[in-house]
Amino acid sequence: MIMCTRFVALLLLAMLGSAGCTGKPQQSPSGGGSRVIAKVNGIALTAEDVAFRLHVAHGNKPQYGEKSVDDIIDQELLYQQGLKLGLDRDPSYREKFARPEGVSPGARRLEMARRVFNTQIAAHIDVRYQDGKDFYDKNAEMIATELHLEMIRFGKKAEAEEALKRLRGGAPFESIARPVMGVTPVDGRVPWDLGFVKWDKIPVDFADSVYSLKPGEVSDILGSGQTGFQIVKLRASRKGPKIEYPLISASVMNRLRDQKLLEAYNLYVVQLRKNATIEKF
């Protein structure tokens, strides 16, 4: 299930978790001669870099999808930025990879990109108690509302687009969900039924779309190649009792931090792209 308070951390891990490029032009991470699909500052990215395994929620069988070329480009940009910043000279990084045998190129890039994220983005995010209070006051109705959601997750956008077309044409949600999500019950429910979900369990970049739905409505395609593609249906909503801010200040501040992290990450990558030479083939 993707609904979690620390969505931004999971987003970063999902984006970075696949194998990166080797850092050598025209060479794939597996050492083969895979087709070059893009170059980032002269470093080749191949079709093998795009391949990744997408794990479906609720313990169902894994599906296989493709990271978008843009996702892989962003990953490579973060790795190169880490080298420019000298993060590879950090003793802890050098010690971690002191014995290169058995270490995949993807593992190095994952560690480097995490360090870039932590030192250049997360370290500069500051959320104060009053910031949380302002967010709470502005979003009081959302915070008090729980949503009964159903969700289908896809590995490829094309699959999600076809499913959404069928749903818009009148196909029942469960007829699309069953072959994708399976039928093994989770917590006594079919695997695509998330039950009632609180505001802080819905990813920050989904909230506006999901809370704008009316009961029975289906969302547009949500998510990305980084996290998979989702279609969400709102079954019902209910208002819970109002909880005063001091009692939920930690949850509110975490949520606001997630939102700021996601915004800062996106801005950081945009700036890296502006200063890079990127070719797509």
C-alpha atoms as a PDB file:
ATOM      1  CA  MET A   1       0.000   0.000   0.000  1.00  0.00           C
ATOM      2  CA  ILE A   2       1.424   3.355  -0.957  1.00  0.00           C
ATOM      3  CA  MET A   3      -0.522   5.446   1.510  1.00  0.00           C
ATOM      4  CA  CYS A   4       1.998   6.504   4.162  1.00  0.00           C
ATOM      5  CA  THR A   5       3.016   9.600   6.052  1.00  0.00           C
ATOM      6  CA  ARG A   6       6.621   9.526   4.913  1.00  0.00           C
ATOM      7  CA  PHE A   7       5.752   9.408   1.241  1.00  0.00           C
ATOM      8  CA  VAL A   8       8.607  11.635   0.122  1.00  0.00           C
ATOM      9  CA  ALA A   9      11.191   9.278   1.585  1.00  0.00           C
ATOM     10  CA  LEU A  10       9.550   6.390  -0.236  1.00  0.00           C
ATOM     11  CA  LEU A  11       9.408   8.421  -3.418  1.00  0.00           C
ATOM     12  CA  LEU A  12      13.138   9.027  -3.246  1.00  0.00           C
ATOM     13  CA  LEU A  13      13.866   5.363  -2.604  1.00  0.00           C
ATOM     14  CA  ALA A  14      11.616   4.289  -5.455  1.00  0.00           C
ATOM     15  CA  MET A  15      13.239   6.754  -7.828  1.00  0.00           C
ATOM     16  CA  LEU A  16      16.766   5.777  -6.853  1.00  0.00           C
ATOM     17  CA  GLY A  17      16.356   2.105  -6.172  1.00  0.00           C
ATOM     18  CA  SER A  18      17.027   0.744  -9.648  1.00  0.00           C
ATOM     19  CA  ALA A  19      20.450   0.249 -11.136  1.00  0.00           C
ATOM     20  CA  GLY A  20      22.085   3.427 -12.367  1.00  0.00           C
ATOM     21  CA  CYS A  21      24.482   3.824 -15.252  1.00  0.00           C
ATOM     22  CA  THR A  22      28.107   2.861 -14.947  1.00  0.00           C
ATOM     23  CA  GLY A  23      29.478   6.345 -15.417  1.00  0.00           C
ATOM     24  CA  LYS A  24      31.259   5.253 -18.602  1.00  0.00           C
ATOM     25  CA  PRO A  25      29.949   6.350 -21.982  1.00  0.00           C
ATOM     26  CA  GLN A  26      28.382   3.705 -24.210  1.00  0.00           C
ATOM     27  CA  GLN A  27      28.453   0.999 -21.528  1.00  0.00           C
ATOM     28  CA  SER A  28      25.510  -0.497 -19.709  1.00  0.00           C
ATOM     29  CA  PRO A  29      25.554  -1.343 -15.975  1.00  0.00           C
ATOM     30  CA  SER A  30      25.568  -5.027 -16.753  1.00  0.00           C
ATOM     31  CA  GLY A  31      28.561  -4.643 -19.006  1.00  0.00           C
ATOM     32  CA  GLY A  32      26.587  -5.504 -22.143  1.00  0.00           C
ATOM     33  CA  GLY A  33      26.041  -3.573 -25.310  1.00  0.00           C
ATOM     34  CA  SER A  34      22.512  -2.393 -24.626  1.00  0.00           C
ATOM     35  CA  ARG A  35      21.067   0.318 -26.843  1.00  0.00           C
ATOM     36  CA  VAL A  36      21.904   3.864 -25.732  1.00  0.00           C
ATOM     37  CA  ILE A  37      18.692   5.828 -25.149  1.00  0.00           C
ATOM     38  CA  ALA A  38      20.068   9.057 -23.677  1.00  0.00           C
ATOM     39  CA  LYS A  39      23.211  10.864 -22.612  1.00  0.00           C
ATOM     40  CA  VAL A  40      23.653  13.123 -19.593  1.00  0.00           C
ATOM     41  CA  ASN A  41      26.725  15.338 -19.869  1.00  0.00           C
ATOM     42  CA  GLY A  42      28.238  12.733 -22.161  1.00  0.00           C
ATOM     43  CA  ILE A  43      27.406   9.748 -19.936  1.00  0.00           C
ATOM     44  CA  ALA A  44      25.383   7.106 -21.727  1.00  0.00           C
ATOM     45  CA  LEU A  45      22.148   5.681 -20.368  1.00  0.00           C
ATOM     46  CA  THR A  46      20.930   2.474 -21.921  1.00  0.00           C
ATOM     47  CA  ALA A  47      17.773   0.445 -22.325  1.00  0.00           C
ATOM     48  CA  GLU A  48      19.001  -1.778 -19.491  1.00  0.00           C
ATOM     49  CA  ASP A  49      19.003   1.230 -17.177  1.00  0.00           C
ATOM     50  CA  VAL A  50      15.301   1.663 -17.863  1.00  0.00           C
ATOM     51  CA  ALA A  51      14.305  -1.875 -16.886  1.00  0.00           C
ATOM     52  CA  PHE A  52      13.058  -2.215 -13.334  1.00  0.00           C
ATOM     53  CA  ARG A  53      10.851  -4.388 -11.201  1.00  0.00           C
ATOM     54  CA  LEU A  54       7.727  -2.813  -9.798  1.00  0.00           C
ATOM     55  CA  HIS A  55       6.314  -4.480  -6.681  1.00  0.00           C
ATOM     56  CA  VAL A  56       2.552  -4.319  -6.448  1.00  0.00           C
ATOM     57  CA  ALA A  57       0.905  -3.341  -3.168  1.00  0.00           C
ATOM     58  CA  HIS A  58      -0.882  -5.711  -0.791  1.00  0.00           C
ATOM     59  CA  GLY A  59       1.526  -8.608  -1.255  1.00  0.00           C
ATOM     60  CA  ASN A  60       0.434  -9.528  -4.755  1.00  0.00           C
ATOM     61  CA  LYS A  61       2.750 -10.876  -7.422  1.00  0.00           C
ATOM     62  CA  PRO A  62       5.342  -8.388  -8.701  1.00  0.00           C
ATOM     63  CA  GLN A  63       4.631  -6.699 -11.988  1.00  0.00           C
ATOM     64  CA  TYR A  64       7.242  -5.497 -14.425  1.00  0.00           C
ATOM     65  CA  GLY A  65       7.262  -2.026 -15.826  1.00  0.00           C
ATOM     66  CA  GLU A  66       9.637   0.547 -17.155  1.00  0.00           C
ATOM     67  CA  LYS A  67      11.091   3.605 -15.568  1.00  0.00           C
ATOM     68  CA  SER A  68      10.689   6.551 -17.844  1.00  0.00           C
ATOM     69  CA  VAL A  69      13.789   7.905 -19.510  1.00  0.00           C
ATOM     70  CA  ASP A  70      13.298  11.148 -17.579  1.00  0.00           C
ATOM     71  CA  ASP A  71      13.421   9.298 -14.253  1.00  0.00           C
ATOM     72  CA  ILE A  72      16.740   7.699 -15.182  1.00  0.00           C
ATOM     73  CA  ILE A  73      18.111  11.047 -16.342  1.00  0.00           C
ATOM     74  CA  ASP A  74      17.220  12.616 -12.992  1.00  0.00           C
ATOM     75  CA  GLN A  75      18.931   9.754 -11.179  1.00  0.00           C
ATOM     76  CA  GLU A  76      22.114  10.255 -13.168  1.00  0.00           C
ATOM     77  CA  LEU A  77      22.027  14.014 -12.578  1.00  0.00           C
ATOM     78  CA  LEU A  78      21.928  13.470  -8.812  1.00  0.00           C
ATOM     79  CA  TYR A  79      24.843  11.060  -8.984  1.00  0.00           C
ATOM     80  CA  GLN A  80      26.949  13.455 -11.037  1.00  0.00           C
ATOM     81  CA  GLN A  81      26.089  16.296  -8.668  1.00  0.00           C
ATOM     82  CA  GLY A  82      27.321  14.217  -5.754  1.00  0.00           C
ATOM     83  CA  LEU A  83      30.662  13.763  -7.479  1.00  0.00           C
ATOM     84  CA  LYS A  84      30.914  17.513  -8.146  1.00  0.00           C
ATOM     85  CA  LEU A  85      30.261  18.190  -4.469  1.00  0.00           C
ATOM     86  CA  GLY A  86      32.989  15.746  -3.495  1.00  0.00           C
ATOM     87  CA  LEU A  87      30.628  13.512  -1.549  1.00  0.00           C
ATOM     88  CA  ASP A  88      32.482  10.467  -2.870  1.00  0.00           C
ATOM     89  CA  ARG A  89      35.502  11.590  -0.819  1.00  0.00           C
ATOM     90  CA  ASP A  90      33.602  11.281   2.445  1.00  0.00           C
ATOM     91  CA  PRO A  91      35.325   8.597   4.573  1.00  0.00           C
ATOM     92  CA  SER A  92      32.052   6.817   5.296  1.00  0.00           C
ATOM     93  CA  TYR A  93      31.248   6.597   1.588  1.00  0.00           C
ATOM     94  CA  ARG A  94      34.726   5.335   0.737  1.00  0.00           C
ATOM     95  CA  GLU A  95      34.592   2.786   3.524  1.00  0.00           C
ATOM     96  CA  LYS A  96      31.190   1.555   2.419  1.00  0.00           C
ATOM     97  CA  PHE A  97      32.548   0.730  -1.018  1.00  0.00           C
ATOM     98  CA  ALA A  98      36.141  -0.098  -0.092  1.00  0.00           C
ATOM     99  CA  ARG A  99      35.730  -3.592  -1.510  1.00  0.00           C
ATOM    100  CA  PRO A 100      34.301  -3.144  -5.008  1.00  0.00           C
ATOM    101  CA  GLU A 101      33.734  -6.837  -5.736  1.00  0.00           C
ATOM    102  CA  GLY A 102      30.062  -7.715  -5.620  1.00  0.00           C
ATOM    103  CA  VAL A 103      28.965  -4.062  -5.416  1.00  0.00           C
ATOM    104  CA  SER A 104      26.591  -3.079  -8.188  1.00  0.00           C
ATOM    105  CA  PRO A 105      26.857   0.323  -9.883  1.00  0.00           C
ATOM    106  CA  GLY A 106      23.284   0.924  -8.776  1.00  0.00           C
ATOM    107  CA  ALA A 107      24.244   0.546  -5.115  1.00  0.00           C
ATOM    108  CA  ARG A 108      26.882   3.262  -5.445  1.00  0.00           C
ATOM    109  CA  ARG A 109      24.483   5.610  -7.152  1.00  0.00           C
ATOM    110  CA  LEU A 110      21.750   4.913  -4.632  1.00  0.00           C
ATOM    111  CA  GLU A 111      24.059   5.821  -1.757  1.00  0.00           C
ATOM    112  CA  MET A 112      25.384   8.900  -3.509  1.00  0.00           C
ATOM    113  CA  ALA A 113      21.943  10.180  -4.439  1.00  0.00           C
ATOM    114  CA  ARG A 114      20.737   9.696  -0.875  1.00  0.00           C
ATOM    115  CA  ARG A 115      23.626  11.813   0.320  1.00  0.00           C
ATOM    116  CA  VAL A 116      22.831  14.548  -2.173  1.00  0.00           C
ATOM    117  CA  PHE A 117      19.207  14.493  -1.070  1.00  0.00           C
ATOM    118  CA  ASN A 118      20.093  14.595   2.627  1.00  0.00           C
ATOM    119  CA  THR A 119      22.786  17.282   2.441  1.00  0.00           C
ATOM    120  CA  GLN A 120      21.490  19.550  -0.309  1.00  0.00           C
ATOM    121  CA  ILE A 121      17.721  19.287   0.116  1.00  0.00           C
ATOM    122  CA  ALA A 122      16.494  17.763   3.375  1.00  0.00           C
ATOM    123  CA  ALA A 123      19.071  19.603   5.491  1.00  0.00           C
ATOM    124  CA  HIS A 124      17.606  22.933   4.393  1.00  0.00           C
ATOM    125  CA  ILE A 125      13.967  22.155   5.185  1.00  0.00           C
ATOM    126  CA  ASP A 126      12.782  23.723   8.431  1.00  0.00           C
ATOM    127  CA  VAL A 127       9.216  23.314   9.701  1.00  0.00           C
ATOM    128  CA  ARG A 128       8.263  25.257  12.809  1.00  0.00           C
ATOM    129  CA  TYR A 129       5.374  24.665  15.167  1.00  0.00           C
ATOM    130  CA  GLN A 130       3.592  27.770  13.870  1.00  0.00           C
ATOM    131  CA  ASP A 131       4.060  26.619  10.267  1.00  0.00           C
ATOM    132  CA  GLY A 132       2.174  23.473  11.180  1.00  0.00           C
ATOM    133  CA  LYS A 133      -0.545  25.489  12.898  1.00  0.00           C
ATOM    134  CA  ASP A 134      -1.040  27.599   9.780  1.00  0.00           C
ATOM    135  CA  PHE A 135      -1.289  24.425   7.658  1.00  0.00           C
ATOM    136  CA  TYR A 136      -3.767  22.951  10.135  1.00  0.00           C
ATOM    137  CA  ASP A 137      -5.992  26.024  10.043  1.00  0.00           C
ATOM    138  CA  LYS A 138      -5.950  26.135   6.243  1.00  0.00           C
ATOM    139  CA  ASN A 139      -6.714  22.423   5.825  1.00  0.00           C
ATOM    140  CA  ALA A 140      -9.014  21.793   8.775  1.00  0.00           C
ATOM    141  CA  GLU A 141     -11.791  20.278   6.650  1.00  0.00           C
ATOM    142  CA  MET A 142      -9.434  17.873   4.889  1.00  0.00           C
ATOM    143  CA  ILE A 143      -7.824  16.825   8.162  1.00  0.00           C
ATOM    144  CA  ALA A 144     -11.217  15.980   9.644  1.00  0.00           C
ATOM    145  CA  THR A 145     -12.331  13.926   6.613  1.00  0.00           C
ATOM    146  CA  GLU A 146     -11.576  10.242   6.060  1.00  0.00           C
ATOM    147  CA  LEU A 147     -11.918   8.742   2.587  1.00  0.00           C
ATOM    148  CA  HIS A 148     -12.923   5.195   1.666  1.00  0.00           C
ATOM    149  CA  LEU A 149     -10.686   4.508  -1.323  1.00  0.00           C
ATOM    150  CA  GLU A 150     -10.143   1.800  -3.878  1.00  0.00           C
ATOM    151  CA  MET A 151      -6.910   1.765  -5.872  1.00  0.00           C
ATOM    152  CA  ILE A 152      -5.393  -0.048  -8.837  1.00  0.00           C
ATOM    153  CA  ARG A 153      -1.663   0.178  -9.357  1.00  0.00           C
ATOM    154  CA  PHE A 154       0.025  -0.303 -12.740  1.00  0.00           C
ATOM    155  CA  GLY A 155       3.637  -0.710 -13.767  1.00  0.00           C
ATOM    156  CA  LYS A 156       3.278   1.066 -17.100  1.00  0.00           C
ATOM    157  CA  LYS A 157       1.462   4.257 -17.932  1.00  0.00           C
ATOM    158  CA  ALA A 158       0.056   2.742 -21.117  1.00  0.00           C
ATOM    159  CA  GLU A 159      -1.674   0.068 -19.023  1.00  0.00           C
ATOM    160  CA  ALA A 160      -3.135   2.722 -16.736  1.00  0.00           C
ATOM    161  CA  GLU A 161      -4.306   4.755 -19.732  1.00  0.00           C
ATOM    162  CA  GLU A 162      -6.103   1.766 -21.228  1.00  0.00           C
ATOM    163  CA  ALA A 163      -7.710   0.952 -17.881  1.00  0.00           C
ATOM    164  CA  LEU A 164      -8.858   4.534 -17.386  1.00  0.00           C
ATOM    165  CA  LYS A 165     -10.373   4.547 -20.862  1.00  0.00           C
ATOM    166  CA  ARG A 166     -12.383   1.432 -19.999  1.00  0.00           C
ATOM    167  CA  LEU A 167     -13.471   2.908 -16.670  1.00  0.00           C
ATOM    168  CA  ARG A 168     -14.593   6.123 -18.355  1.00  0.00           C
ATOM    169  CA  GLY A 169     -16.542   3.916 -20.759  1.00  0.00           C
ATOM    170  CA  GLY A 170     -18.499   2.370 -17.915  1.00  0.00           C
ATOM    171  CA  ALA A 171     -16.494  -0.728 -16.963  1.00  0.00           C
ATOM    172  CA  PRO A 172     -16.899  -1.658 -13.273  1.00  0.00           C
ATOM    173  CA  PHE A 173     -13.876  -0.759 -11.140  1.00  0.00           C
ATOM    174  CA  GLU A 174     -13.556  -4.291  -9.798  1.00  0.00           C
ATOM    175  CA  SER A 175     -13.473  -5.773 -13.305  1.00  0.00           C
ATOM    176  CA  ILE A 176     -10.308  -3.770 -13.973  1.00  0.00           C
ATOM    177  CA  ALA A 177      -8.830  -4.239 -10.509  1.00  0.00           C
ATOM    178  CA  ARG A 178      -9.240  -8.002 -10.175  1.00  0.00           C
ATOM    179  CA  PRO A 179      -6.796  -9.157 -12.891  1.00  0.00           C
ATOM    180  CA  VAL A 180      -4.243  -6.525 -11.861  1.00  0.00           C
ATOM    181  CA  MET A 181      -4.388  -6.710  -8.072  1.00  0.00           C
ATOM    182  CA  GLY A 182      -5.430 -10.340  -7.576  1.00  0.00           C
ATOM    183  CA  VAL A 183      -8.125 -11.597  -5.231  1.00  0.00           C
ATOM    184  CA  THR A 184      -6.234 -12.593  -2.068  1.00  0.00           C
ATOM    185  CA  PRO A 185      -7.942 -10.724   0.809  1.00  0.00           C
ATOM    186  CA  VAL A 186      -5.930  -8.164   2.787  1.00  0.00           C
ATOM    187  CA  ASP A 187      -7.243  -7.288   6.238  1.00  0.00           C
ATOM    188  CA  GLY A 188     -10.512  -8.941   5.272  1.00  0.00           C
ATOM    189  CA  ARG A 189     -10.955  -6.822   2.135  1.00  0.00           C
ATOM    190  CA  VAL A 190     -10.282  -7.325  -1.553  1.00  0.00           C
ATOM    191  CA  PRO A 191      -6.727  -6.119  -2.280  1.00  0.00           C
ATOM    192  CA  TRP A 192      -7.777  -2.984  -4.132  1.00  0.00           C
ATOM    193  CA  ASP A 193      -9.991  -1.800  -1.258  1.00  0.00           C
ATOM    194  CA  LEU A 194      -7.959   0.440   1.055  1.00  0.00           C
ATOM    195  CA  GLY A 195     -10.791   1.036   3.500  1.00  0.00           C
ATOM    196  CA  PHE A 196     -11.136   4.425   5.163  1.00  0.00           C
ATOM    197  CA  VAL A 197      -7.899   6.386   4.879  1.00  0.00           C
ATOM    198  CA  LYS A 198      -6.939   9.394   6.988  1.00  0.00           C
ATOM    199  CA  TRP A 199      -5.553  12.580   5.488  1.00  0.00           C
ATOM    200  CA  ASP A 200      -1.968  11.955   6.602  1.00  0.00           C
ATOM    201  CA  LYS A 201      -1.854   8.531   4.927  1.00  0.00           C
ATOM    202  CA  ILE A 202      -2.487   9.953   1.459  1.00  0.00           C
ATOM    203  CA  PRO A 203       0.635  11.004  -0.495  1.00  0.00           C
ATOM    204  CA  VAL A 204       1.109  14.734  -0.649  1.00  0.00           C
ATOM    205  CA  ASP A 205       1.020  14.818  -4.448  1.00  0.00           C
ATOM    206  CA  PHE A 206      -2.236  12.826  -4.519  1.00  0.00           C
ATOM    207  CA  ALA A 207      -4.182  14.822  -1.937  1.00  0.00           C
ATOM    208  CA  ASP A 208      -5.662  17.549  -4.145  1.00  0.00           C
ATOM    209  CA  SER A 209      -6.847  15.079  -6.769  1.00  0.00           C
ATOM    210  CA  VAL A 210      -8.226  12.538  -4.313  1.00  0.00           C
ATOM    211  CA  TYR A 211     -10.023  15.051  -2.081  1.00  0.00           C
ATOM    212  CA  SER A 212     -11.673  16.660  -5.102  1.00  0.00           C
ATOM    213  CA  LEU A 213     -13.466  13.417  -5.991  1.00  0.00           C
ATOM    214  CA  LYS A 214     -17.133  12.808  -5.255  1.00  0.00           C
ATOM    215  CA  PRO A 215     -18.354   9.366  -4.107  1.00  0.00           C
ATOM    216  CA  GLY A 216     -18.326   6.983  -7.053  1.00  0.00           C
ATOM    217  CA  GLU A 217     -15.872   9.072  -9.087  1.00  0.00           C
ATOM    218  CA  VAL A 218     -12.556   7.802 -10.420  1.00  0.00           C
ATOM    219  CA  SER A 219      -9.376   9.863 -10.494  1.00  0.00           C
ATOM    220  CA  ASP A 220      -7.161  10.569 -13.428  1.00  0.00           C
ATOM    221  CA  ILE A 221      -3.858   8.660 -13.513  1.00  0.00           C
ATOM    222  CA  LEU A 222      -1.795   9.496 -10.447  1.00  0.00           C
ATOM    223  CA  GLY A 223       1.843   8.790  -9.671  1.00  0.00           C
ATOM    224  CA  SER A 224       4.796   8.437 -12.008  1.00  0.00           C
ATOM    225  CA  GLY A 225       7.333   6.018 -13.389  1.00  0.00           C
ATOM    226  CA  GLN A 226       9.135   6.427 -10.091  1.00  0.00           C
ATOM    227  CA  THR A 227       6.366   5.030  -7.917  1.00  0.00           C
ATOM    228  CA  GLY A 228       4.077   3.303 -10.369  1.00  0.00           C
ATOM    229  CA  PHE A 229       0.803   4.607 -11.794  1.00  0.00           C
ATOM    230  CA  GLN A 230      -2.411   4.538  -9.799  1.00  0.00           C
ATOM    231  CA  ILE A 231      -6.097   5.032 -10.439  1.00  0.00           C
ATOM    232  CA  VAL A 232      -8.160   5.779  -7.346  1.00  0.00           C
ATOM    233  CA  LYS A 233     -11.900   5.550  -6.780  1.00  0.00           C
ATOM    234  CA  LEU A 234     -13.676   7.290  -3.927  1.00  0.00           C
ATOM    235  CA  ARG A 235     -16.385   5.085  -2.437  1.00  0.00           C
ATOM    236  CA  ALA A 236     -17.403   7.290   0.465  1.00  0.00           C
ATOM    237  CA  SER A 237     -16.236  10.005   2.846  1.00  0.00           C
ATOM    238  CA  ARG A 238     -16.932  10.662   6.486  1.00  0.00           C
ATOM    239  CA  LYS A 239     -16.184  13.401   8.965  1.00  0.00           C
ATOM    240  CA  GLY A 240     -14.407  12.470  12.130  1.00  0.00           C
ATOM    241  CA  PRO A 241     -14.325  14.416  15.378  1.00  0.00           C
ATOM    242  CA  LYS A 242     -12.230  17.562  15.334  1.00  0.00           C
ATOM    243  CA  ILE A 243      -8.826  17.086  16.934  1.00  0.00           C
ATOM    244  CA  GLU A 244      -7.128  20.144  18.330  1.00  0.00           C
ATOM    245  CA  TYR A 245      -3.803  21.049  16.797  1.00  0.00           C
ATOM    246  CA  PRO A 246      -1.578  20.364  19.841  1.00  0.00           C
ATOM    247  CA  LEU A 247      -2.696  16.725  19.799  1.00  0.00           C
ATOM    248  CA  ILE A 248      -1.734  16.165  16.164  1.00  0.00           C
ATOM    249  CA  SER A 249       0.992  18.765  15.717  1.00  0.00           C
ATOM    250  CA  ALA A 250       3.650  16.104  15.013  1.00  0.00           C
ATOM    251  CA  SER A 251       1.571  14.547  12.205  1.00  0.00           C
ATOM    252  CA  VAL A 252       0.788  17.943  10.725  1.00  0.00           C
ATOM    253  CA  MET A 253       4.419  19.062  10.819  1.00  0.00           C
ATOM    254  CA  ASN A 254       5.542  15.776   9.248  1.00  0.00           C
ATOM    255  CA  ARG A 255       2.992  16.261   6.493  1.00  0.00           C
ATOM    256  CA  LEU A 256       4.112  19.815   5.851  1.00  0.00           C
ATOM    257  CA  ARG A 257       7.734  18.679   5.814  1.00  0.00           C
ATOM    258  CA  ASP A 258       6.846  16.024   3.222  1.00  0.00           C
ATOM    259  CA  GLN A 259       5.233  18.679   1.072  1.00  0.00           C
ATOM    260  CA  LYS A 260       8.212  21.011   1.326  1.00  0.00           C
ATOM    261  CA  LEU A 261      10.654  18.163   0.640  1.00  0.00           C
ATOM    262  CA  LEU A 262       8.817  17.175  -2.514  1.00  0.00           C
ATOM    263  CA  GLU A 263       8.692  20.765  -3.752  1.00  0.00           C
ATOM    264  CA  ALA A 264      12.373  21.346  -2.947  1.00  0.00           C
ATOM    265  CA  TYR A 265      13.403  18.092  -4.612  1.00  0.00           C
ATOM    266  CA  ASN A 266      11.547  18.962  -7.802  1.00  0.00           C
ATOM    267  CA  LEU A 267      13.103  22.446  -7.907  1.00  0.00           C
ATOM    268  CA  TYR A 268      16.568  20.997  -7.300  1.00  0.00           C
ATOM    269  CA  VAL A 269      16.259  18.544 -10.189  1.00  0.00           C
ATOM    270  CA  VAL A 270      14.904  21.262 -12.489  1.00  0.00           C
ATOM    271  CA  GLN A 271      18.000  23.358 -11.775  1.00  0.00           C
ATOM    272  CA  LEU A 272      20.299  20.400 -12.443  1.00  0.00           C
ATOM    273  CA  ARG A 273      18.582  19.894 -15.780  1.00  0.00           C
ATOM    274  CA  LYS A 274      19.046  23.549 -16.735  1.00  0.00           C
ATOM    275  CA  ASN A 275      22.787  23.257 -16.240  1.00  0.00           C
ATOM    276  CA  ALA A 276      23.167  19.887 -17.962  1.00  0.00           C
ATOM    277  CA  THR A 277      23.573  18.731 -21.540  1.00  0.00           C
ATOM    278  CA  ILE A 278      20.906  16.085 -22.101  1.00  0.00           C
ATOM    279  CA  GLU A 279      20.367  14.119 -25.287  1.00  0.00           C
ATOM    280  CA  LYS A 280      17.557  11.640 -25.914  1.00  0.00           C
ATOM    281  CA  PHE A 281      17.569   9.105 -28.702  1.00  0.00           C
END
